[in-house]
Amino acid sequence: MKLSVFTPEKKLVTDQEIEDVLVPGHRGEIHILPGHAPLVTKLSTGIMKWRFKGQTEYNKAVISSGYCEVNPEGILVLAEFATLPGEVETDKFKSEASELEKKLANQFLNDESWDETQRRLAELKSGLELGGGSTRH
């Protein structure tokens, strides 16, 4: 089973053989194993995990907004945003998250601004949860 993960800015994984993958689906986490039924689903912000063929530990990335397609050829994840553990700037993420929380608490926002602020805050919090470890890709 092959995995590809793309954002508008980067290719995280390209046609790599994997054991399994967990994606943050719109209605909860989805664990995809070989032989999974074909599927197209909307993704939410959260931590995606996958194991390359022969590995026992999961690689991780924060992804946000996008789609996941499972077909007989493999899995394609198209995300709006993705951050690997080594890319997490803890102090910067904490500072921006704090500012966004203040914005949500103290400013009147239209629906679009509210949704965008909530989405970015979820990305930052997931990034902080992911931590500053390392991953192989």
N, C-alpha and C. Protein backbone atom coordinates (compact mmCIF):
# COMPACT_ATOMS: atom_id res chain seq x y z
N MET A 1 0.87 -1.16 0.00
CA MET A 1 0.00 0.00 0.00
C MET A 1 0.92 1.23 0.00
N LYS A 2 0.66 2.16 -0.92
CA LYS A 2 1.50 3.35 -1.06
C LYS A 2 0.80 4.58 -0.50
N LEU A 3 1.60 5.50 0.03
CA LEU A 3 1.09 6.74 0.60
C LEU A 3 1.75 7.92 -0.08
N SER A 4 0.93 8.94 -0.38
CA SER A 4 1.42 10.23 -0.85
C SER A 4 0.70 11.31 -0.04
N VAL A 5 1.46 12.29 0.43
CA VAL A 5 0.90 13.40 1.22
C VAL A 5 1.44 14.70 0.64
N PHE A 6 0.51 15.56 0.19
CA PHE A 6 0.89 16.82 -0.43
C PHE A 6 0.15 17.99 0.19
N THR A 7 0.83 19.14 0.22
CA THR A 7 0.20 20.42 0.54
C THR A 7 0.51 21.34 -0.63
N PRO A 8 -0.07 22.52 -0.67
CA PRO A 8 0.29 23.45 -1.75
C PRO A 8 1.77 23.82 -1.75
N GLU A 9 2.43 23.75 -0.58
CA GLU A 9 3.82 24.15 -0.47
C GLU A 9 4.83 23.01 -0.54
N LYS A 10 4.42 21.79 -0.20
CA LYS A 10 5.43 20.73 -0.13
C LYS A 10 4.86 19.34 -0.35
N LYS A 11 5.79 18.44 -0.64
CA LYS A 11 5.48 17.02 -0.75
C LYS A 11 6.05 16.37 0.50
N LEU A 12 5.18 15.91 1.38
CA LEU A 12 5.63 15.27 2.62
C LEU A 12 6.08 13.84 2.37
N VAL A 13 5.28 13.10 1.63
CA VAL A 13 5.55 11.70 1.31
C VAL A 13 5.10 11.48 -0.14
N THR A 14 5.91 10.78 -0.93
CA THR A 14 5.56 10.53 -2.32
C THR A 14 5.70 9.05 -2.64
N ASP A 15 4.57 8.39 -2.86
CA ASP A 15 4.52 6.98 -3.28
C ASP A 15 5.43 6.06 -2.45
N GLN A 16 5.34 6.18 -1.13
CA GLN A 16 6.13 5.34 -0.24
C GLN A 16 5.31 4.17 0.27
N GLU A 17 5.90 2.99 0.32
CA GLU A 17 5.22 1.80 0.85
C GLU A 17 5.05 1.95 2.36
N ILE A 18 3.82 1.73 2.83
CA ILE A 18 3.53 1.86 4.25
C ILE A 18 2.82 0.62 4.77
N GLU A 19 2.86 0.48 6.10
CA GLU A 19 2.14 -0.59 6.79
C GLU A 19 0.69 -0.17 7.05
N ASP A 20 0.52 1.06 7.56
CA ASP A 20 -0.80 1.60 7.88
C ASP A 20 -0.69 3.10 8.07
N VAL A 21 -1.84 3.76 8.14
CA VAL A 21 -1.89 5.21 8.33
C VAL A 21 -3.13 5.55 9.15
N LEU A 22 -3.00 6.56 10.01
CA LEU A 22 -4.13 7.10 10.77
C LEU A 22 -4.27 8.56 10.38
N VAL A 23 -5.47 8.95 9.96
CA VAL A 23 -5.72 10.33 9.55
C VAL A 23 -6.83 10.92 10.41
N PRO A 24 -6.76 12.25 10.66
CA PRO A 24 -7.83 12.91 11.41
C PRO A 24 -9.02 13.20 10.50
N GLY A 25 -9.93 12.26 10.41
CA GLY A 25 -11.10 12.43 9.56
C GLY A 25 -12.05 13.47 10.12
N HIS A 26 -12.95 13.90 9.29
CA HIS A 26 -13.93 14.93 9.66
C HIS A 26 -14.77 14.51 10.87
N ARG A 27 -15.03 13.22 11.00
CA ARG A 27 -15.85 12.72 12.11
C ARG A 27 -15.07 11.83 13.06
N GLY A 28 -13.75 11.96 13.07
CA GLY A 28 -12.93 11.17 13.96
C GLY A 28 -11.77 10.51 13.23
N GLU A 29 -10.86 9.95 13.99
CA GLU A 29 -9.67 9.33 13.41
C GLU A 29 -10.03 8.09 12.61
N ILE A 30 -9.36 7.94 11.46
CA ILE A 30 -9.58 6.79 10.58
C ILE A 30 -8.27 6.01 10.48
N HIS A 31 -8.33 4.72 10.79
CA HIS A 31 -7.15 3.86 10.69
C HIS A 31 -7.28 3.07 9.39
N ILE A 32 -6.33 3.27 8.50
CA ILE A 32 -6.38 2.64 7.18
C ILE A 32 -5.30 1.56 7.10
N LEU A 33 -5.74 0.35 6.85
CA LEU A 33 -4.86 -0.81 6.72
C LEU A 33 -4.93 -1.34 5.30
N PRO A 34 -3.97 -2.19 4.90
CA PRO A 34 -4.05 -2.78 3.55
C PRO A 34 -5.41 -3.46 3.34
N GLY A 35 -5.96 -3.30 2.15
CA GLY A 35 -7.25 -3.90 1.82
C GLY A 35 -8.44 -3.04 2.21
N HIS A 36 -8.20 -1.82 2.72
CA HIS A 36 -9.30 -0.93 3.11
C HIS A 36 -10.18 -0.65 1.89
N ALA A 37 -11.47 -0.55 2.13
CA ALA A 37 -12.41 -0.23 1.07
C ALA A 37 -12.11 1.16 0.48
N PRO A 38 -12.37 1.36 -0.80
CA PRO A 38 -12.19 2.69 -1.38
C PRO A 38 -12.98 3.73 -0.59
N LEU A 39 -12.40 4.92 -0.49
CA LEU A 39 -12.97 5.95 0.38
C LEU A 39 -12.45 7.31 -0.04
N VAL A 40 -13.29 8.32 0.05
CA VAL A 40 -12.87 9.71 -0.03
C VAL A 40 -13.51 10.39 1.16
N THR A 41 -12.68 11.07 1.97
CA THR A 41 -13.21 11.72 3.16
C THR A 41 -12.55 13.07 3.37
N LYS A 42 -13.27 13.95 4.01
CA LYS A 42 -12.77 15.26 4.38
C LYS A 42 -11.93 15.09 5.64
N LEU A 43 -10.83 15.85 5.72
CA LEU A 43 -9.95 15.79 6.88
C LEU A 43 -10.15 17.00 7.78
N SER A 44 -9.90 16.79 9.06
CA SER A 44 -9.90 17.87 10.04
C SER A 44 -8.47 18.14 10.46
N THR A 45 -8.28 19.17 11.25
CA THR A 45 -6.96 19.45 11.79
C THR A 45 -6.63 18.43 12.87
N GLY A 46 -5.43 17.88 12.81
CA GLY A 46 -5.00 16.92 13.81
C GLY A 46 -3.69 16.28 13.41
N ILE A 47 -3.34 15.25 14.17
CA ILE A 47 -2.08 14.56 13.94
C ILE A 47 -2.32 13.32 13.07
N MET A 48 -1.57 13.26 11.98
CA MET A 48 -1.59 12.11 11.08
C MET A 48 -0.39 11.24 11.45
N LYS A 49 -0.59 9.91 11.45
CA LYS A 49 0.49 8.98 11.78
C LYS A 49 0.57 7.91 10.70
N TRP A 50 1.79 7.49 10.36
CA TRP A 50 1.97 6.42 9.39
C TRP A 50 3.27 5.67 9.69
N ARG A 51 3.28 4.41 9.29
CA ARG A 51 4.49 3.58 9.44
C ARG A 51 4.92 3.12 8.06
N PHE A 52 6.17 3.43 7.73
CA PHE A 52 6.73 2.93 6.48
C PHE A 52 6.91 1.42 6.59
N LYS A 53 6.91 0.75 5.47
CA LYS A 53 7.08 -0.70 5.40
C LYS A 53 8.29 -1.11 6.23
N GLY A 54 8.10 -2.07 7.14
CA GLY A 54 9.18 -2.58 7.97
C GLY A 54 9.45 -1.80 9.24
N GLN A 55 8.80 -0.65 9.43
CA GLN A 55 9.01 0.15 10.64
C GLN A 55 8.03 -0.26 11.73
N THR A 56 8.42 -0.04 12.98
CA THR A 56 7.51 -0.30 14.10
C THR A 56 7.00 1.00 14.69
N GLU A 57 7.76 2.08 14.55
CA GLU A 57 7.34 3.37 15.11
C GLU A 57 6.65 4.22 14.04
N TYR A 58 5.70 5.03 14.52
CA TYR A 58 4.95 5.89 13.62
C TYR A 58 5.69 7.19 13.35
N ASN A 59 5.61 7.64 12.11
CA ASN A 59 6.01 8.98 11.72
C ASN A 59 4.78 9.84 11.94
N LYS A 60 4.96 11.12 12.25
CA LYS A 60 3.83 11.99 12.57
C LYS A 60 3.95 13.34 11.89
N ALA A 61 2.79 13.93 11.64
CA ALA A 61 2.73 15.30 11.12
C ALA A 61 1.39 15.89 11.52
N VAL A 62 1.36 17.18 11.74
CA VAL A 62 0.09 17.88 11.92
C VAL A 62 -0.40 18.24 10.54
N ILE A 63 -1.66 17.92 10.25
CA ILE A 63 -2.25 18.33 8.98
C ILE A 63 -3.53 19.10 9.27
N SER A 64 -3.95 19.87 8.31
CA SER A 64 -5.15 20.67 8.48
C SER A 64 -5.93 20.75 7.18
N SER A 65 -7.20 20.60 7.31
CA SER A 65 -8.11 20.79 6.18
C SER A 65 -7.62 20.11 4.92
N GLY A 66 -8.43 19.27 4.37
CA GLY A 66 -8.07 18.62 3.14
C GLY A 66 -8.90 17.38 2.91
N TYR A 67 -8.36 16.49 2.10
CA TYR A 67 -9.08 15.27 1.72
C TYR A 67 -8.13 14.09 1.72
N CYS A 68 -8.70 12.93 1.97
CA CYS A 68 -7.97 11.68 1.91
C CYS A 68 -8.72 10.75 0.96
N GLU A 69 -8.00 10.19 0.00
CA GLU A 69 -8.59 9.22 -0.91
C GLU A 69 -7.87 7.89 -0.73
N VAL A 70 -8.66 6.83 -0.54
CA VAL A 70 -8.13 5.47 -0.47
C VAL A 70 -8.66 4.74 -1.69
N ASN A 71 -7.74 4.15 -2.46
CA ASN A 71 -8.14 3.37 -3.62
C ASN A 71 -7.20 2.17 -3.72
N PRO A 72 -7.44 1.25 -4.64
CA PRO A 72 -6.58 0.06 -4.72
C PRO A 72 -5.09 0.36 -4.95
N GLU A 73 -4.78 1.51 -5.53
CA GLU A 73 -3.38 1.87 -5.78
C GLU A 73 -2.70 2.44 -4.54
N GLY A 74 -3.48 2.96 -3.57
CA GLY A 74 -2.87 3.53 -2.38
C GLY A 74 -3.71 4.61 -1.75
N ILE A 75 -3.03 5.46 -1.01
CA ILE A 75 -3.68 6.52 -0.23
C ILE A 75 -3.09 7.86 -0.65
N LEU A 76 -3.96 8.81 -0.93
CA LEU A 76 -3.55 10.16 -1.29
C LEU A 76 -4.14 11.11 -0.26
N VAL A 77 -3.28 11.90 0.38
CA VAL A 77 -3.73 12.92 1.33
C VAL A 77 -3.36 14.27 0.75
N LEU A 78 -4.36 15.11 0.57
CA LEU A 78 -4.16 16.49 0.11
C LEU A 78 -4.57 17.39 1.26
N ALA A 79 -3.60 18.06 1.87
CA ALA A 79 -3.86 18.90 3.04
C ALA A 79 -3.51 20.35 2.74
N GLU A 80 -4.22 21.24 3.38
CA GLU A 80 -3.96 22.66 3.21
C GLU A 80 -2.66 23.07 3.90
N PHE A 81 -2.33 22.36 4.98
CA PHE A 81 -1.20 22.71 5.84
C PHE A 81 -0.63 21.43 6.42
N ALA A 82 0.68 21.36 6.59
CA ALA A 82 1.31 20.21 7.25
C ALA A 82 2.60 20.66 7.92
N THR A 83 2.83 20.14 9.12
CA THR A 83 4.04 20.43 9.87
C THR A 83 4.59 19.14 10.44
N LEU A 84 5.87 18.89 10.21
CA LEU A 84 6.56 17.74 10.78
C LEU A 84 7.09 18.12 12.16
N PRO A 85 7.36 17.14 13.03
CA PRO A 85 7.83 17.45 14.38
C PRO A 85 9.04 18.38 14.42
N GLY A 86 10.00 18.18 13.55
CA GLY A 86 11.20 19.02 13.54
C GLY A 86 10.95 20.45 13.11
N GLU A 87 9.77 20.72 12.56
CA GLU A 87 9.42 22.08 12.10
C GLU A 87 8.66 22.87 13.14
N VAL A 88 8.32 22.23 14.27
CA VAL A 88 7.54 22.91 15.31
C VAL A 88 8.44 23.87 16.08
N GLU A 89 8.09 25.14 16.03
CA GLU A 89 8.81 26.17 16.79
C GLU A 89 7.97 26.46 18.03
N THR A 90 8.27 25.75 19.12
CA THR A 90 7.43 25.76 20.31
C THR A 90 7.11 27.16 20.81
N ASP A 91 8.11 28.00 21.01
CA ASP A 91 7.87 29.35 21.53
C ASP A 91 6.99 30.17 20.60
N LYS A 92 7.27 30.07 19.31
CA LYS A 92 6.48 30.81 18.32
C LYS A 92 5.03 30.31 18.30
N PHE A 93 4.86 28.98 18.33
CA PHE A 93 3.52 28.40 18.32
C PHE A 93 2.75 28.82 19.57
N LYS A 94 3.39 28.78 20.74
CA LYS A 94 2.73 29.17 22.00
C LYS A 94 2.32 30.63 21.96
N SER A 95 3.21 31.48 21.48
CA SER A 95 2.93 32.91 21.41
C SER A 95 1.76 33.20 20.48
N GLU A 96 1.78 32.60 19.30
CA GLU A 96 0.68 32.83 18.35
C GLU A 96 -0.64 32.27 18.88
N ALA A 97 -0.59 31.10 19.52
CA ALA A 97 -1.80 30.50 20.09
C ALA A 97 -2.39 31.41 21.16
N SER A 98 -1.53 31.98 22.00
CA SER A 98 -1.99 32.90 23.05
C SER A 98 -2.67 34.13 22.45
N GLU A 99 -2.06 34.68 21.41
CA GLU A 99 -2.65 35.85 20.73
C GLU A 99 -4.02 35.51 20.12
N LEU A 100 -4.13 34.34 19.50
CA LEU A 100 -5.40 33.95 18.89
C LEU A 100 -6.47 33.71 19.95
N GLU A 101 -6.10 33.14 21.07
CA GLU A 101 -7.07 32.93 22.16
C GLU A 101 -7.59 34.27 22.67
N LYS A 102 -6.70 35.27 22.80
CA LYS A 102 -7.11 36.62 23.21
C LYS A 102 -8.05 37.22 22.16
N LYS A 103 -7.72 37.03 20.90
CA LYS A 103 -8.55 37.56 19.81
C LYS A 103 -9.96 36.97 19.88
N LEU A 104 -10.05 35.66 20.09
CA LEU A 104 -11.36 35.00 20.17
C LEU A 104 -12.15 35.49 21.38
N ALA A 105 -11.46 35.77 22.48
CA ALA A 105 -12.14 36.18 23.71
C ALA A 105 -12.54 37.65 23.71
N ASN A 106 -11.77 38.48 23.01
CA ASN A 106 -11.96 39.93 23.16
C ASN A 106 -12.42 40.68 21.92
N GLN A 107 -12.48 40.04 20.77
CA GLN A 107 -12.86 40.76 19.56
C GLN A 107 -14.13 40.17 18.96
N PHE A 108 -14.90 41.05 18.35
CA PHE A 108 -16.05 40.58 17.59
C PHE A 108 -15.53 40.17 16.22
N LEU A 109 -15.81 38.94 15.83
CA LEU A 109 -15.35 38.43 14.55
C LEU A 109 -16.52 37.96 13.71
N ASN A 110 -16.46 38.20 12.41
CA ASN A 110 -17.50 37.66 11.55
C ASN A 110 -17.28 36.14 11.45
N ASP A 111 -18.24 35.44 10.87
CA ASP A 111 -18.16 33.97 10.83
C ASP A 111 -16.89 33.48 10.15
N GLU A 112 -16.52 34.10 9.05
CA GLU A 112 -15.33 33.67 8.32
C GLU A 112 -14.07 33.85 9.16
N SER A 113 -13.93 35.01 9.81
CA SER A 113 -12.76 35.27 10.66
C SER A 113 -12.73 34.32 11.86
N TRP A 114 -13.92 34.07 12.45
CA TRP A 114 -14.01 33.15 13.59
C TRP A 114 -13.54 31.75 13.18
N ASP A 115 -14.04 31.26 12.04
CA ASP A 115 -13.67 29.93 11.57
C ASP A 115 -12.17 29.83 11.27
N GLU A 116 -11.63 30.84 10.61
CA GLU A 116 -10.20 30.85 10.26
C GLU A 116 -9.34 30.90 11.53
N THR A 117 -9.74 31.71 12.50
CA THR A 117 -8.99 31.82 13.75
C THR A 117 -9.05 30.49 14.51
N GLN A 118 -10.20 29.86 14.56
CA GLN A 118 -10.35 28.57 15.23
C GLN A 118 -9.49 27.51 14.52
N ARG A 119 -9.48 27.50 13.20
CA ARG A 119 -8.69 26.53 12.45
C ARG A 119 -7.21 26.70 12.73
N ARG A 120 -6.73 27.94 12.69
CA ARG A 120 -5.31 28.19 12.94
C ARG A 120 -4.93 27.83 14.38
N LEU A 121 -5.82 28.13 15.33
CA LEU A 121 -5.56 27.77 16.73
C LEU A 121 -5.45 26.25 16.88
N ALA A 122 -6.31 25.52 16.21
CA ALA A 122 -6.25 24.05 16.25
C ALA A 122 -4.94 23.54 15.65
N GLU A 123 -4.47 24.16 14.56
CA GLU A 123 -3.19 23.78 13.95
C GLU A 123 -2.05 23.98 14.95
N LEU A 124 -2.04 25.14 15.61
CA LEU A 124 -0.98 25.44 16.56
C LEU A 124 -1.01 24.49 17.75
N LYS A 125 -2.19 24.23 18.28
CA LYS A 125 -2.29 23.32 19.43
C LYS A 125 -1.89 21.90 19.05
N SER A 126 -2.26 21.46 17.86
CA SER A 126 -1.83 20.13 17.40
C SER A 126 -0.32 20.10 17.22
N GLY A 127 0.24 21.19 16.71
CA GLY A 127 1.69 21.28 16.55
C GLY A 127 2.40 21.20 17.89
N LEU A 128 1.86 21.87 18.89
CA LEU A 128 2.45 21.81 20.23
C LEU A 128 2.33 20.41 20.82
N GLU A 129 1.21 19.75 20.54
CA GLU A 129 1.02 18.37 20.99
C GLU A 129 2.03 17.45 20.31
N LEU A 130 2.28 17.69 19.05
CA LEU A 130 3.23 16.90 18.27
C LEU A 130 4.63 17.03 18.85
N GLY A 131 4.98 18.23 19.29
CA GLY A 131 6.28 18.44 19.90
C GLY A 131 7.39 18.63 18.91
N GLY A 132 8.58 18.72 19.39
CA GLY A 132 9.74 19.00 18.56
C GLY A 132 10.60 17.80 18.28
N GLY A 133 10.03 16.58 18.26
CA GLY A 133 10.81 15.36 17.99
C GLY A 133 11.26 15.31 16.55
N SER A 134 11.70 14.16 16.13
CA SER A 134 12.13 14.01 14.75
C SER A 134 11.33 12.94 14.06
N THR A 135 11.35 12.96 12.75
CA THR A 135 10.65 11.95 11.95
C THR A 135 11.48 11.65 10.73
N ARG A 136 11.22 10.51 10.13
CA ARG A 136 11.90 10.13 8.88
C ARG A 136 10.90 10.28 7.75
N HIS A 137 11.37 10.77 6.61
CA HIS A 137 10.49 10.88 5.43
C HIS A 137 11.24 10.73 4.16
